[in-house]
């Protein structure tokens, strides 16, 4: 298997977030200050938010070809929080 890079992870997360809500964009994926986590920065309607995702959940998602329930739930919560928090 090819080495997992942040660019590969960012592209996979971008596709998954697009499935959840087309108006939300993934602006960046970076190593979190917490050990064994990635930080995903999301943008919707000019407002940004972030989510902490476990490295294991991201790796399982990539290994299974886009089938990872834990990752989808975490992204869904982050997207819904972003949508609710900034509703006018």
Protein backbone atom coordinates (compact mmCIF):
# COMPACT_ATOMS: atom_id res chain seq x y z
CA UNK A 1 0.00 0.00 0.00
CA UNK A 2 1.21 3.51 -0.76
CA UNK A 3 2.26 5.75 2.07
CA UNK A 4 -0.60 7.82 3.43
CA UNK A 5 0.06 11.51 2.95
CA UNK A 6 -1.85 14.56 4.08
CA UNK A 7 -2.68 15.34 0.45
CA UNK A 8 -4.24 11.91 -0.02
CA UNK A 9 -6.20 12.25 3.22
CA UNK A 10 -7.33 15.76 2.31
CA UNK A 11 -8.63 14.60 -1.08
CA UNK A 12 -10.53 11.67 0.47
CA UNK A 13 -12.07 13.88 3.16
CA UNK A 14 -12.97 16.52 0.59
CA UNK A 15 -14.96 13.92 -1.38
CA UNK A 16 -16.70 12.63 1.73
CA UNK A 17 -17.66 16.10 2.98
CA UNK A 18 -18.97 16.93 -0.50
CA UNK A 19 -21.31 13.92 -0.22
CA UNK A 20 -22.62 15.19 3.12
CA UNK A 21 -23.09 18.87 2.18
CA UNK A 22 -22.12 20.40 -1.14
CA UNK A 23 -21.81 23.89 0.35
CA UNK A 24 -19.08 22.87 2.84
CA UNK A 25 -15.43 22.88 1.76
CA UNK A 26 -12.39 21.24 3.34
CA UNK A 27 -9.75 23.97 3.44
CA UNK A 28 -6.95 22.06 5.17
CA UNK A 29 -5.93 18.85 6.91
CA UNK A 30 -3.05 19.00 9.35
CA UNK A 31 -1.50 17.14 12.23
CA UNK A 32 -3.33 17.97 15.43
CA UNK A 33 -1.65 19.02 18.64
CA UNK A 34 -3.28 15.94 20.15
CA UNK A 35 -1.37 12.75 19.55
CA UNK A 36 -2.90 10.40 16.95
CA UNK A 37 -5.38 12.94 15.56
CA UNK A 38 -5.78 14.97 12.38
CA UNK A 39 -7.38 18.41 12.40
CA UNK A 40 -9.75 19.12 9.50
CA UNK A 41 -10.69 22.74 8.83
CA UNK A 42 -14.09 23.27 7.20
CA UNK A 43 -15.57 26.35 5.53
CA UNK A 44 -19.23 27.18 4.86
CA UNK A 45 -20.65 30.55 3.83
CA UNK A 46 -17.49 32.36 4.93
CA UNK A 47 -17.51 30.78 8.41
CA UNK A 48 -14.97 28.18 9.43
CA UNK A 49 -14.95 25.34 11.90
CA UNK A 50 -12.77 22.35 12.61
CA UNK A 51 -12.95 18.72 13.64
CA UNK A 52 -10.48 16.38 15.27
CA UNK A 53 -10.40 12.96 13.58
CA UNK A 54 -8.61 9.89 14.90
CA UNK A 55 -5.77 8.73 12.69
CA UNK A 56 -7.01 5.14 13.04
CA UNK A 57 -10.47 6.07 11.74
CA UNK A 58 -8.98 7.90 8.76
CA UNK A 59 -6.68 4.96 7.98
CA UNK A 60 -9.55 2.47 8.20
CA UNK A 61 -11.61 4.65 5.86
CA UNK A 62 -8.78 4.71 3.31
CA UNK A 63 -8.05 0.99 3.66
CA UNK A 64 -11.70 0.03 3.14
CA UNK A 65 -12.08 2.17 0.05
CA UNK A 66 -14.37 4.81 1.52
CA UNK A 67 -16.30 2.66 3.97
CA UNK A 68 -15.71 3.89 7.47
CA UNK A 69 -18.69 4.54 9.71
CA UNK A 70 -16.76 6.22 12.50
CA UNK A 71 -15.18 8.76 10.15
CA UNK A 72 -18.47 9.51 8.39
CA UNK A 73 -20.21 10.11 11.72
CA UNK A 74 -17.45 12.45 12.91
CA UNK A 75 -17.51 14.43 9.66
CA UNK A 76 -21.30 14.55 9.71
CA UNK A 77 -21.29 15.97 13.23
CA UNK A 78 -18.72 18.60 12.28
CA UNK A 79 -20.68 19.63 9.19
CA UNK A 80 -23.98 19.80 11.05
CA UNK A 81 -22.40 21.80 13.87
CA UNK A 82 -21.01 24.24 11.33
CA UNK A 83 -24.43 24.54 9.66
CA UNK A 84 -26.34 25.04 12.92
CA UNK A 85 -23.85 27.40 14.55
CA UNK A 86 -23.89 29.91 11.73
CA UNK A 87 -27.53 29.81 10.69
CA UNK A 88 -29.00 33.28 10.24
